[in-house]
Amino acid sequence: MLRADIWRSGGALTAADLVAGYRSLIGKAHAKGIRVIGATLTPGWGSKYLRREMAKVRQETNEEDTAHTEQTIAFYVARIGHYLGDGVNPMHDSIHCEGWFGPNPHAYTRDHALHGRFESQFVDAIGLSASDVIGKIGAPAHQQGDIFEAVLAYLQGNADKVETIFQLDPRGAFADGSDEEARGFVYDRIAGGAAMLRDLLYRAWRESASHGQGAHRPQDPDAPGYNPATGTAPAPLDS
């Protein structure tokens, strides 16, 4: 797995530099018969950092001292929410983001404008509000087990519904806000995203009470095998 961020480069790299670098790496990988899959970060990555900051709030008693920590928590909540929000749209979780791509036995539209027609124009037309979805959110879940696996299941669950968008569009379901099935589809997606965000935040807060217990993290300086040159210890191997 390869990760690169422009913001970590100190401004030395541009987006064009990263694209060129990725193309070079992809070409070398293909030459070795390696399949390459590009993806954005999933929301699970921020949970451990959020939990760490919440643990600080539990330990700090001076209101002034918590201001920076609270701002950091707000940042992580916003960033996790952004990625979860992106995952709400099934088109974002598939190769069909800008119209149907590849083999097309059902003759679904390849119109790039469908993305905006569904995600922006229709959502604006229905005047989406919290009252439309709050009753659909349900009780907390995902409080046990691997967070990364839970996030992947969340994204896959939305991806599995991508064909619904292409089935609704031919009848003009997204032309205005009157189509009840299309409205219900949006409500369900938004409620699912809100529930997942609630679950991650609630779990982070609960687990922050015992933060610092258990095995070392690879990035902890006192972790076995920590290498200052790389800022991490070798990843643990499954037994």
C-alpha atoms as a PDB file:
ATOM      1  CA  MET A   1       0.000   0.000   0.000  1.00  0.00           C
ATOM      2  CA  LEU A   2       1.360   3.418  -1.007  1.00  0.00           C
ATOM      3  CA  ARG A   3       0.219   6.695   0.453  1.00  0.00           C
ATOM      4  CA  ALA A   4       1.201  10.195  -0.636  1.00  0.00           C
ATOM      5  CA  ASP A   5      -0.126  13.571   0.488  1.00  0.00           C
ATOM      6  CA  ILE A   6       0.707  16.957  -0.989  1.00  0.00           C
ATOM      7  CA  TRP A   7       0.265  18.561   2.433  1.00  0.00           C
ATOM      8  CA  ARG A   8       3.019  16.345   3.887  1.00  0.00           C
ATOM      9  CA  SER A   9       5.496  17.385   1.208  1.00  0.00           C
ATOM     10  CA  GLY A  10       6.016  20.875   2.604  1.00  0.00           C
ATOM     11  CA  GLY A  11       4.937  22.366  -0.711  1.00  0.00           C
ATOM     12  CA  ALA A  12       7.810  20.747  -2.598  1.00  0.00           C
ATOM     13  CA  LEU A  13       5.461  18.607  -4.689  1.00  0.00           C
ATOM     14  CA  THR A  14       2.625  19.630  -6.946  1.00  0.00           C
ATOM     15  CA  ALA A  15      -0.378  17.564  -8.008  1.00  0.00           C
ATOM     16  CA  ALA A  16       1.297  17.095 -11.402  1.00  0.00           C
ATOM     17  CA  ASP A  17       4.392  15.712  -9.665  1.00  0.00           C
ATOM     18  CA  LEU A  18       2.288  13.177  -7.791  1.00  0.00           C
ATOM     19  CA  VAL A  19       0.411  12.133 -10.931  1.00  0.00           C
ATOM     20  CA  ALA A  20       3.693  11.632 -12.798  1.00  0.00           C
ATOM     21  CA  GLY A  21       5.119   9.655  -9.895  1.00  0.00           C
ATOM     22  CA  TYR A  22       2.056   7.453  -9.658  1.00  0.00           C
ATOM     23  CA  ARG A  23       2.127   6.780 -13.398  1.00  0.00           C
ATOM     24  CA  SER A  24       5.755   5.738 -13.158  1.00  0.00           C
ATOM     25  CA  LEU A  25       5.033   3.382 -10.254  1.00  0.00           C
ATOM     26  CA  ILE A  26       1.952   1.967 -11.959  1.00  0.00           C
ATOM     27  CA  GLY A  27       3.927   1.305 -15.135  1.00  0.00           C
ATOM     28  CA  LYS A  28       6.596  -0.572 -13.184  1.00  0.00           C
ATOM     29  CA  ALA A  29       3.945  -2.540 -11.296  1.00  0.00           C
ATOM     30  CA  HIS A  30       2.141  -3.514 -14.492  1.00  0.00           C
ATOM     31  CA  ALA A  31       5.435  -4.654 -15.998  1.00  0.00           C
ATOM     32  CA  LYS A  32       5.659  -7.143 -13.098  1.00  0.00           C
ATOM     33  CA  GLY A  33       2.074  -8.272 -13.556  1.00  0.00           C
ATOM     34  CA  ILE A  34       0.859  -6.461 -10.436  1.00  0.00           C
ATOM     35  CA  ARG A  35      -2.691  -5.140 -10.414  1.00  0.00           C
ATOM     36  CA  VAL A  36      -2.977  -1.539  -9.202  1.00  0.00           C
ATOM     37  CA  ILE A  37      -6.058  -0.080  -7.502  1.00  0.00           C
ATOM     38  CA  GLY A  38      -6.317   3.627  -6.694  1.00  0.00           C
ATOM     39  CA  ALA A  39      -8.502   4.778  -3.822  1.00  0.00           C
ATOM     40  CA  THR A  40      -9.011   7.617  -1.405  1.00  0.00           C
ATOM     41  CA  LEU A  41      -8.623   7.311   2.356  1.00  0.00           C
ATOM     42  CA  THR A  42     -11.494   5.684   4.174  1.00  0.00           C
ATOM     43  CA  PRO A  43     -12.977   7.330   7.277  1.00  0.00           C
ATOM     44  CA  GLY A  44     -11.603   4.717   9.674  1.00  0.00           C
ATOM     45  CA  TRP A  45      -8.107   6.220   9.579  1.00  0.00           C
ATOM     46  CA  GLY A  46      -9.092   9.172  11.773  1.00  0.00           C
ATOM     47  CA  SER A  47     -10.751   7.229  14.566  1.00  0.00           C
ATOM     48  CA  LYS A  48      -7.562   6.473  16.498  1.00  0.00           C
ATOM     49  CA  TYR A  49      -6.455  10.115  16.348  1.00  0.00           C
ATOM     50  CA  LEU A  50      -9.888  11.268  17.429  1.00  0.00           C
ATOM     51  CA  ARG A  51      -9.805   8.823  20.323  1.00  0.00           C
ATOM     52  CA  ARG A  52      -6.394  10.171  21.371  1.00  0.00           C
ATOM     53  CA  GLU A  53      -7.672  13.767  21.418  1.00  0.00           C
ATOM     54  CA  MET A  54     -10.796  12.771  23.338  1.00  0.00           C
ATOM     55  CA  ALA A  55      -8.567  11.124  25.929  1.00  0.00           C
ATOM     56  CA  LYS A  56      -6.810  14.466  26.381  1.00  0.00           C
ATOM     57  CA  VAL A  57     -10.134  16.182  27.048  1.00  0.00           C
ATOM     58  CA  ARG A  58     -10.890  13.625  29.752  1.00  0.00           C
ATOM     59  CA  GLN A  59      -7.551  14.425  31.413  1.00  0.00           C
ATOM     60  CA  GLU A  60      -7.655  18.216  31.092  1.00  0.00           C
ATOM     61  CA  THR A  61      -9.641  20.216  33.624  1.00  0.00           C
ATOM     62  CA  ASN A  62      -8.766  23.827  32.756  1.00  0.00           C
ATOM     63  CA  GLU A  63     -11.256  25.138  30.197  1.00  0.00           C
ATOM     64  CA  GLU A  64      -8.613  27.274  28.531  1.00  0.00           C
ATOM     65  CA  ASP A  65      -6.258  24.317  28.198  1.00  0.00           C
ATOM     66  CA  THR A  66      -8.812  22.292  26.221  1.00  0.00           C
ATOM     67  CA  ALA A  67      -9.406  24.883  23.500  1.00  0.00           C
ATOM     68  CA  HIS A  68      -6.733  23.579  21.122  1.00  0.00           C
ATOM     69  CA  THR A  69      -7.723  19.963  21.761  1.00  0.00           C
ATOM     70  CA  GLU A  70     -11.363  20.771  21.051  1.00  0.00           C
ATOM     71  CA  GLN A  71     -10.391  22.424  17.780  1.00  0.00           C
ATOM     72  CA  THR A  72      -8.395  19.328  16.833  1.00  0.00           C
ATOM     73  CA  ILE A  73     -11.373  17.108  17.632  1.00  0.00           C
ATOM     74  CA  ALA A  74     -13.602  19.320  15.466  1.00  0.00           C
ATOM     75  CA  PHE A  75     -11.103  18.952  12.612  1.00  0.00           C
ATOM     76  CA  TYR A  76     -11.102  15.155  12.805  1.00  0.00           C
ATOM     77  CA  VAL A  77     -14.901  15.028  13.082  1.00  0.00           C
ATOM     78  CA  ALA A  78     -15.208  17.224   9.978  1.00  0.00           C
ATOM     79  CA  ARG A  79     -12.702  15.168   8.014  1.00  0.00           C
ATOM     80  CA  ILE A  80     -14.221  11.820   8.962  1.00  0.00           C
ATOM     81  CA  GLY A  81     -17.655  13.242   8.155  1.00  0.00           C
ATOM     82  CA  HIS A  82     -16.426  14.400   4.753  1.00  0.00           C
ATOM     83  CA  TYR A  83     -15.300  10.933   3.720  1.00  0.00           C
ATOM     84  CA  LEU A  84     -18.411   9.274   5.111  1.00  0.00           C
ATOM     85  CA  GLY A  85     -20.513  11.833   3.249  1.00  0.00           C
ATOM     86  CA  ASP A  86     -18.707  11.028   0.018  1.00  0.00           C
ATOM     87  CA  GLY A  87     -19.422   7.358   0.597  1.00  0.00           C
ATOM     88  CA  VAL A  88     -23.151   8.036   0.936  1.00  0.00           C
ATOM     89  CA  ASN A  89     -23.421   8.482  -2.833  1.00  0.00           C
ATOM     90  CA  PRO A  90     -23.202   4.997  -4.399  1.00  0.00           C
ATOM     91  CA  MET A  91     -21.644   6.502  -7.521  1.00  0.00           C
ATOM     92  CA  HIS A  92     -18.617   7.525  -5.460  1.00  0.00           C
ATOM     93  CA  ASP A  93     -18.106   3.925  -4.358  1.00  0.00           C
ATOM     94  CA  SER A  94     -18.029   2.474  -7.855  1.00  0.00           C
ATOM     95  CA  ILE A  95     -16.484   2.929 -11.284  1.00  0.00           C
ATOM     96  CA  HIS A  96     -19.758   4.515 -12.451  1.00  0.00           C
ATOM     97  CA  CYS A  97     -19.174   7.942 -10.913  1.00  0.00           C
ATOM     98  CA  GLU A  98     -19.645   9.865 -14.153  1.00  0.00           C
ATOM     99  CA  GLY A  99     -22.160   7.681 -15.928  1.00  0.00           C
ATOM    100  CA  TRP A 100     -22.152   3.933 -16.537  1.00  0.00           C
ATOM    101  CA  PHE A 101     -18.690   2.642 -17.345  1.00  0.00           C
ATOM    102  CA  GLY A 102     -17.729  -0.578 -19.082  1.00  0.00           C
ATOM    103  CA  PRO A 103     -20.043  -3.367 -20.293  1.00  0.00           C
ATOM    104  CA  ASN A 104     -23.614  -2.109 -20.309  1.00  0.00           C
ATOM    105  CA  PRO A 105     -26.145  -4.930 -20.788  1.00  0.00           C
ATOM    106  CA  HIS A 106     -29.002  -2.808 -19.375  1.00  0.00           C
ATOM    107  CA  ALA A 107     -28.202   0.226 -21.538  1.00  0.00           C
ATOM    108  CA  TYR A 108     -27.790   2.537 -18.557  1.00  0.00           C
ATOM    109  CA  THR A 109     -26.968   6.138 -19.354  1.00  0.00           C
ATOM    110  CA  ARG A 110     -23.337   7.148 -19.789  1.00  0.00           C
ATOM    111  CA  ASP A 111     -24.289  10.785 -19.309  1.00  0.00           C
ATOM    112  CA  HIS A 112     -21.718  12.469 -17.057  1.00  0.00           C
ATOM    113  CA  ALA A 113     -24.365  14.927 -15.890  1.00  0.00           C
ATOM    114  CA  LEU A 114     -26.213  12.201 -13.973  1.00  0.00           C
ATOM    115  CA  HIS A 115     -23.781  12.663 -11.086  1.00  0.00           C
ATOM    116  CA  GLY A 116     -24.798  16.262 -10.496  1.00  0.00           C
ATOM    117  CA  ARG A 117     -28.431  15.625 -11.389  1.00  0.00           C
ATOM    118  CA  PHE A 118     -28.696  13.117  -8.549  1.00  0.00           C
ATOM    119  CA  GLU A 119     -26.270  14.466  -5.963  1.00  0.00           C
ATOM    120  CA  SER A 120     -26.875  18.198  -6.260  1.00  0.00           C
ATOM    121  CA  GLN A 121     -29.936  19.197  -8.261  1.00  0.00           C
ATOM    122  CA  PHE A 122     -32.292  16.577  -6.850  1.00  0.00           C
ATOM    123  CA  VAL A 123     -31.070  16.923  -3.254  1.00  0.00           C
ATOM    124  CA  ASP A 124     -31.501  20.687  -3.497  1.00  0.00           C
ATOM    125  CA  ALA A 125     -34.994  20.218  -4.939  1.00  0.00           C
ATOM    126  CA  ILE A 126     -36.235  18.063  -2.055  1.00  0.00           C
ATOM    127  CA  GLY A 127     -35.034  20.541   0.566  1.00  0.00           C
ATOM    128  CA  LEU A 128     -33.371  17.853   2.662  1.00  0.00           C
ATOM    129  CA  SER A 129     -33.501  18.506   6.416  1.00  0.00           C
ATOM    130  CA  ALA A 130     -32.576  16.652   9.590  1.00  0.00           C
ATOM    131  CA  SER A 131     -36.225  15.826  10.259  1.00  0.00           C
ATOM    132  CA  ASP A 132     -36.319  13.774   7.034  1.00  0.00           C
ATOM    133  CA  VAL A 133     -33.697  11.309   8.258  1.00  0.00           C
ATOM    134  CA  ILE A 134     -33.381  11.425  12.039  1.00  0.00           C
ATOM    135  CA  GLY A 135     -36.052   8.773  12.550  1.00  0.00           C
ATOM    136  CA  LYS A 136     -34.174   6.398  10.225  1.00  0.00           C
ATOM    137  CA  ILE A 137     -30.811   6.493  12.014  1.00  0.00           C
ATOM    138  CA  GLY A 138     -31.516   3.813  14.620  1.00  0.00           C
ATOM    139  CA  ALA A 139     -29.552   2.654  17.646  1.00  0.00           C
ATOM    140  CA  PRO A 140     -25.730   2.794  17.874  1.00  0.00           C
ATOM    141  CA  ALA A 141     -23.826  -0.031  16.196  1.00  0.00           C
ATOM    142  CA  HIS A 142     -20.225  -0.892  15.203  1.00  0.00           C
ATOM    143  CA  GLN A 143     -19.045  -0.657  18.811  1.00  0.00           C
ATOM    144  CA  GLN A 144     -17.022  -3.864  18.534  1.00  0.00           C
ATOM    145  CA  GLY A 145     -14.783  -5.378  15.888  1.00  0.00           C
ATOM    146  CA  ASP A 146     -12.401  -3.914  13.341  1.00  0.00           C
ATOM    147  CA  ILE A 147     -13.276  -0.327  12.348  1.00  0.00           C
ATOM    148  CA  PHE A 148     -11.597  -0.613   8.968  1.00  0.00           C
ATOM    149  CA  GLU A 149     -13.707  -3.651   8.100  1.00  0.00           C
ATOM    150  CA  ALA A 150     -16.845  -1.811   9.254  1.00  0.00           C
ATOM    151  CA  VAL A 151     -16.040   1.141   7.010  1.00  0.00           C
ATOM    152  CA  LEU A 152     -15.383  -1.110   4.022  1.00  0.00           C
ATOM    153  CA  ALA A 153     -18.735  -2.821   4.611  1.00  0.00           C
ATOM    154  CA  TYR A 154     -20.402   0.605   4.797  1.00  0.00           C
ATOM    155  CA  LEU A 155     -18.885   1.681   1.482  1.00  0.00           C
ATOM    156  CA  GLN A 156     -19.664  -1.648  -0.184  1.00  0.00           C
ATOM    157  CA  GLY A 157     -23.243  -1.484   1.037  1.00  0.00           C
ATOM    158  CA  ASN A 158     -23.685   1.848  -0.710  1.00  0.00           C
ATOM    159  CA  ALA A 159     -21.829   0.668  -3.832  1.00  0.00           C
ATOM    160  CA  ASP A 160     -24.262  -2.256  -4.128  1.00  0.00           C
ATOM    161  CA  LYS A 161     -27.079   0.245  -4.666  1.00  0.00           C
ATOM    162  CA  VAL A 162     -25.514   2.163  -7.541  1.00  0.00           C
ATOM    163  CA  GLU A 163     -27.792   0.575 -10.153  1.00  0.00           C
ATOM    164  CA  THR A 164     -30.838   2.061  -8.418  1.00  0.00           C
ATOM    165  CA  ILE A 165     -29.684   5.528  -9.509  1.00  0.00           C
ATOM    166  CA  PHE A 166     -29.412   4.412 -13.129  1.00  0.00           C
ATOM    167  CA  GLN A 167     -32.808   2.705 -12.944  1.00  0.00           C
ATOM    168  CA  LEU A 168     -34.537   5.782 -11.531  1.00  0.00           C
ATOM    169  CA  ASP A 169     -33.043   8.304 -13.934  1.00  0.00           C
ATOM    170  CA  PRO A 170     -34.755   7.283 -17.235  1.00  0.00           C
ATOM    171  CA  ARG A 171     -38.203   8.150 -15.874  1.00  0.00           C
ATOM    172  CA  GLY A 172     -37.024  11.620 -14.854  1.00  0.00           C
ATOM    173  CA  ALA A 173     -36.978  10.808 -11.156  1.00  0.00           C
ATOM    174  CA  PHE A 174     -34.312  13.426 -10.510  1.00  0.00           C
ATOM    175  CA  ALA A 175     -35.898  16.163 -12.596  1.00  0.00           C
ATOM    176  CA  ASP A 176     -37.594  17.699  -9.558  1.00  0.00           C
ATOM    177  CA  GLY A 177     -38.248  16.714  -5.953  1.00  0.00           C
ATOM    178  CA  SER A 178     -41.592  14.990  -6.455  1.00  0.00           C
ATOM    179  CA  ASP A 179     -40.528  11.364  -6.988  1.00  0.00           C
ATOM    180  CA  GLU A 180     -41.228   9.536  -3.713  1.00  0.00           C
ATOM    181  CA  GLU A 181     -39.010   6.529  -4.437  1.00  0.00           C
ATOM    182  CA  ALA A 182     -36.072   8.765  -5.283  1.00  0.00           C
ATOM    183  CA  ARG A 183     -36.663  10.835  -2.139  1.00  0.00           C
ATOM    184  CA  GLY A 184     -36.742   7.694   0.008  1.00  0.00           C
ATOM    185  CA  PHE A 185     -33.545   6.477  -1.605  1.00  0.00           C
ATOM    186  CA  VAL A 186     -31.758   9.708  -0.669  1.00  0.00           C
ATOM    187  CA  TYR A 187     -33.174   9.674   2.869  1.00  0.00           C
ATOM    188  CA  ASP A 188     -31.902   6.133   3.407  1.00  0.00           C
ATOM    189  CA  ARG A 189     -28.404   6.978   2.118  1.00  0.00           C
ATOM    190  CA  ILE A 190     -28.123  10.088   4.295  1.00  0.00           C
ATOM    191  CA  ALA A 191     -29.440   8.270   7.370  1.00  0.00           C
ATOM    192  CA  GLY A 192     -26.898   5.495   6.836  1.00  0.00           C
ATOM    193  CA  GLY A 193     -24.061   8.010   6.636  1.00  0.00           C
ATOM    194  CA  ALA A 194     -25.252   9.875   9.722  1.00  0.00           C
ATOM    195  CA  ALA A 195     -25.518   6.616  11.648  1.00  0.00           C
ATOM    196  CA  MET A 196     -22.001   5.572  10.669  1.00  0.00           C
ATOM    197  CA  LEU A 197     -20.572   8.942  11.721  1.00  0.00           C
ATOM    198  CA  ARG A 198     -22.442   8.714  15.048  1.00  0.00           C
ATOM    199  CA  ASP A 199     -21.107   5.180  15.583  1.00  0.00           C
ATOM    200  CA  LEU A 200     -17.475   6.163  14.983  1.00  0.00           C
ATOM    201  CA  LEU A 201     -17.692   9.237  17.224  1.00  0.00           C
ATOM    202  CA  TYR A 202     -19.489   7.399  20.016  1.00  0.00           C
ATOM    203  CA  ARG A 203     -17.010   4.523  19.886  1.00  0.00           C
ATOM    204  CA  ALA A 204     -14.039   6.900  19.908  1.00  0.00           C
ATOM    205  CA  TRP A 205     -15.412   8.614  23.024  1.00  0.00           C
ATOM    206  CA  ARG A 206     -16.077   5.326  24.817  1.00  0.00           C
ATOM    207  CA  GLU A 207     -12.662   3.924  23.984  1.00  0.00           C
ATOM    208  CA  SER A 208     -10.907   7.156  24.932  1.00  0.00           C
ATOM    209  CA  ALA A 209     -11.582   6.277  28.560  1.00  0.00           C
ATOM    210  CA  SER A 210      -9.051   3.453  28.314  1.00  0.00           C
ATOM    211  CA  HIS A 211      -6.721   5.084  25.802  1.00  0.00           C
ATOM    212  CA  GLY A 212      -3.092   4.105  26.305  1.00  0.00           C
ATOM    213  CA  GLN A 213      -3.847   0.568  27.395  1.00  0.00           C
ATOM    214  CA  GLY A 214      -2.951  -2.429  25.295  1.00  0.00           C
ATOM    215  CA  ALA A 215      -0.259  -2.988  22.678  1.00  0.00           C
ATOM    216  CA  HIS A 216       2.003  -0.229  21.411  1.00  0.00           C
ATOM    217  CA  ARG A 217       1.099   1.542  18.183  1.00  0.00           C
ATOM    218  CA  PRO A 218       3.791   1.276  15.468  1.00  0.00           C
ATOM    219  CA  GLN A 219       4.282   5.060  15.565  1.00  0.00           C
ATOM    220  CA  ASP A 220       4.949   5.138  19.317  1.00  0.00           C
ATOM    221  CA  PRO A 221       8.677   5.865  19.961  1.00  0.00           C
ATOM    222  CA  ASP A 222       8.769   3.174  22.659  1.00  0.00           C
ATOM    223  CA  ALA A 223       7.232   0.517  20.404  1.00  0.00           C
ATOM    224  CA  PRO A 224       9.489  -2.529  19.876  1.00  0.00           C
ATOM    225  CA  GLY A 225      11.564  -2.072  16.719  1.00  0.00           C
ATOM    226  CA  TYR A 226      10.761   1.645  16.398  1.00  0.00           C
ATOM    227  CA  ASN A 227      12.972   3.261  13.745  1.00  0.00           C
ATOM    228  CA  PRO A 228      13.471   7.040  14.143  1.00  0.00           C
ATOM    229  CA  ALA A 229      14.397   7.320  10.479  1.00  0.00           C
ATOM    230  CA  THR A 230      10.974   6.098   9.362  1.00  0.00           C
ATOM    231  CA  GLY A 231       8.959   7.245  12.386  1.00  0.00           C
ATOM    232  CA  THR A 232       7.433   3.816  12.891  1.00  0.00           C
ATOM    233  CA  ALA A 233       8.057   0.249  13.919  1.00  0.00           C
ATOM    234  CA  PRO A 234       7.546  -2.613  11.464  1.00  0.00           C
ATOM    235  CA  ALA A 235       3.903  -3.495  11.053  1.00  0.00           C
ATOM    236  CA  PRO A 236       2.902  -6.546  13.148  1.00  0.00           C
ATOM    237  CA  LEU A 237       2.611  -9.777  11.208  1.00  0.00           C
ATOM    238  CA  ASP A 238      -0.450 -11.946  11.564  1.00  0.00           C
ATOM    239  CA  SER A 239       0.288 -15.135  13.408  1.00  0.00           C
END
